[in-house]
């Protein structure tokens, strides 16, 4: 899947995370098992640190549950 520069600009404006950092994180995601709870928690903590947004334990659990059970929307553009 290829994303346009405007997609990355939207993300950067919302999160203050650079395109390069997003690509690095995407590569990390591709190299790991996204059904592994430990890996997901590490990624959530990394994203939380990058964006400066705290993620509660309850929200983290909901995110992990959604990912493990394939309840994540497939159309990323609609999420931002």
C-alpha atoms as a PDB file:
ATOM      1  CA  UNK A   1       0.000   0.000   0.000  1.00  0.00           C
ATOM      2  CA  UNK A   2       1.397   3.384  -0.978  1.00  0.00           C
ATOM      3  CA  UNK A   3       0.487   6.570   0.816  1.00  0.00           C
ATOM      4  CA  UNK A   4       0.606  10.065  -0.610  1.00  0.00           C
ATOM      5  CA  UNK A   5       2.546  12.929   0.908  1.00  0.00           C
ATOM      6  CA  UNK A   6      -0.772  14.526   1.889  1.00  0.00           C
ATOM      7  CA  UNK A   7      -1.560  11.438   3.985  1.00  0.00           C
ATOM      8  CA  UNK A   8       1.724  11.842   5.871  1.00  0.00           C
ATOM      9  CA  UNK A   9       1.116  15.583   6.232  1.00  0.00           C
ATOM     10  CA  UNK A  10      -2.275  14.879   7.877  1.00  0.00           C
ATOM     11  CA  UNK A  11      -0.644  12.455  10.288  1.00  0.00           C
ATOM     12  CA  UNK A  12       2.241  14.809  11.048  1.00  0.00           C
ATOM     13  CA  UNK A  13      -0.112  17.737  11.663  1.00  0.00           C
ATOM     14  CA  UNK A  14      -2.235  15.688  14.050  1.00  0.00           C
ATOM     15  CA  UNK A  15       0.556  13.901  15.899  1.00  0.00           C
ATOM     16  CA  UNK A  16       3.722  15.971  15.320  1.00  0.00           C
ATOM     17  CA  UNK A  17       5.432  12.725  14.264  1.00  0.00           C
ATOM     18  CA  UNK A  18       7.567  12.971  11.118  1.00  0.00           C
ATOM     19  CA  UNK A  19       7.104  10.919   7.951  1.00  0.00           C
ATOM     20  CA  UNK A  20      10.480   9.261   8.554  1.00  0.00           C
ATOM     21  CA  UNK A  21       9.471   8.184  12.064  1.00  0.00           C
ATOM     22  CA  UNK A  22       6.162   6.840  10.750  1.00  0.00           C
ATOM     23  CA  UNK A  23       7.984   4.808   8.098  1.00  0.00           C
ATOM     24  CA  UNK A  24      10.454   3.459  10.691  1.00  0.00           C
ATOM     25  CA  UNK A  25       7.549   2.422  12.900  1.00  0.00           C
ATOM     26  CA  UNK A  26       5.732   0.812   9.955  1.00  0.00           C
ATOM     27  CA  UNK A  27       8.851  -1.220   9.159  1.00  0.00           C
ATOM     28  CA  UNK A  28       9.026  -2.323  12.797  1.00  0.00           C
ATOM     29  CA  UNK A  29       5.366  -3.361  12.644  1.00  0.00           C
ATOM     30  CA  UNK A  30       5.992  -5.438   9.520  1.00  0.00           C
ATOM     31  CA  UNK A  31       8.862  -7.268  11.203  1.00  0.00           C
ATOM     32  CA  UNK A  32       6.884  -8.235  14.323  1.00  0.00           C
ATOM     33  CA  UNK A  33       3.986 -10.491  15.187  1.00  0.00           C
ATOM     34  CA  UNK A  34       0.983  -8.215  15.703  1.00  0.00           C
ATOM     35  CA  UNK A  35      -0.896 -11.011  17.445  1.00  0.00           C
ATOM     36  CA  UNK A  36       1.688 -10.998  20.233  1.00  0.00           C
ATOM     37  CA  UNK A  37       0.418  -9.007  23.220  1.00  0.00           C
ATOM     38  CA  UNK A  38       3.915  -8.055  24.438  1.00  0.00           C
ATOM     39  CA  UNK A  39       4.854  -6.664  21.017  1.00  0.00           C
ATOM     40  CA  UNK A  40       1.605  -4.695  20.805  1.00  0.00           C
ATOM     41  CA  UNK A  41       2.136  -3.180  24.254  1.00  0.00           C
ATOM     42  CA  UNK A  42       5.665  -2.116  23.291  1.00  0.00           C
ATOM     43  CA  UNK A  43       4.373  -0.465  20.107  1.00  0.00           C
ATOM     44  CA  UNK A  44       1.560   1.303  21.966  1.00  0.00           C
ATOM     45  CA  UNK A  45       4.065   2.648  24.526  1.00  0.00           C
ATOM     46  CA  UNK A  46       6.382   3.797  21.738  1.00  0.00           C
ATOM     47  CA  UNK A  47       3.530   5.602  19.974  1.00  0.00           C
ATOM     48  CA  UNK A  48       2.425   7.131  23.254  1.00  0.00           C
ATOM     49  CA  UNK A  49       5.932   8.493  23.837  1.00  0.00           C
ATOM     50  CA  UNK A  50       6.244   9.773  20.264  1.00  0.00           C
ATOM     51  CA  UNK A  51       2.955  11.644  20.365  1.00  0.00           C
ATOM     52  CA  UNK A  52       3.089  12.757  23.988  1.00  0.00           C
ATOM     53  CA  UNK A  53      -0.342  11.244  24.568  1.00  0.00           C
ATOM     54  CA  UNK A  54      -0.890   9.009  27.561  1.00  0.00           C
ATOM     55  CA  UNK A  55      -2.760   5.758  26.949  1.00  0.00           C
ATOM     56  CA  UNK A  56      -4.619   4.355  29.941  1.00  0.00           C
ATOM     57  CA  UNK A  57      -4.321   0.672  30.807  1.00  0.00           C
ATOM     58  CA  UNK A  58      -8.010   0.254  29.888  1.00  0.00           C
ATOM     59  CA  UNK A  59      -7.551   1.863  26.467  1.00  0.00           C
ATOM     60  CA  UNK A  60      -4.377  -0.143  25.859  1.00  0.00           C
ATOM     61  CA  UNK A  61      -6.278  -3.351  26.625  1.00  0.00           C
ATOM     62  CA  UNK A  62      -9.062  -2.339  24.213  1.00  0.00           C
ATOM     63  CA  UNK A  63      -6.543  -1.611  21.446  1.00  0.00           C
ATOM     64  CA  UNK A  64      -4.806  -4.948  21.959  1.00  0.00           C
ATOM     65  CA  UNK A  65      -8.121  -6.793  21.991  1.00  0.00           C
ATOM     66  CA  UNK A  66      -9.178  -5.091  18.740  1.00  0.00           C
ATOM     67  CA  UNK A  67      -5.900  -5.918  16.976  1.00  0.00           C
ATOM     68  CA  UNK A  68      -5.732  -9.530  18.152  1.00  0.00           C
ATOM     69  CA  UNK A  69      -9.366 -10.129  17.166  1.00  0.00           C
ATOM     70  CA  UNK A  70      -9.044  -8.392  13.753  1.00  0.00           C
ATOM     71  CA  UNK A  71     -11.445  -5.590  14.665  1.00  0.00           C
ATOM     72  CA  UNK A  72      -9.237  -2.805  13.266  1.00  0.00           C
ATOM     73  CA  UNK A  73     -10.662  -0.849  10.301  1.00  0.00           C
ATOM     74  CA  UNK A  74      -8.928  -1.695   7.043  1.00  0.00           C
ATOM     75  CA  UNK A  75      -9.328   1.812   5.570  1.00  0.00           C
ATOM     76  CA  UNK A  76      -6.695   3.865   7.405  1.00  0.00           C
ATOM     77  CA  UNK A  77      -7.634   7.062   5.534  1.00  0.00           C
ATOM     78  CA  UNK A  78     -11.004   7.100   7.318  1.00  0.00           C
ATOM     79  CA  UNK A  79      -9.289   6.910  10.706  1.00  0.00           C
ATOM     80  CA  UNK A  80      -7.566  10.288  10.380  1.00  0.00           C
END
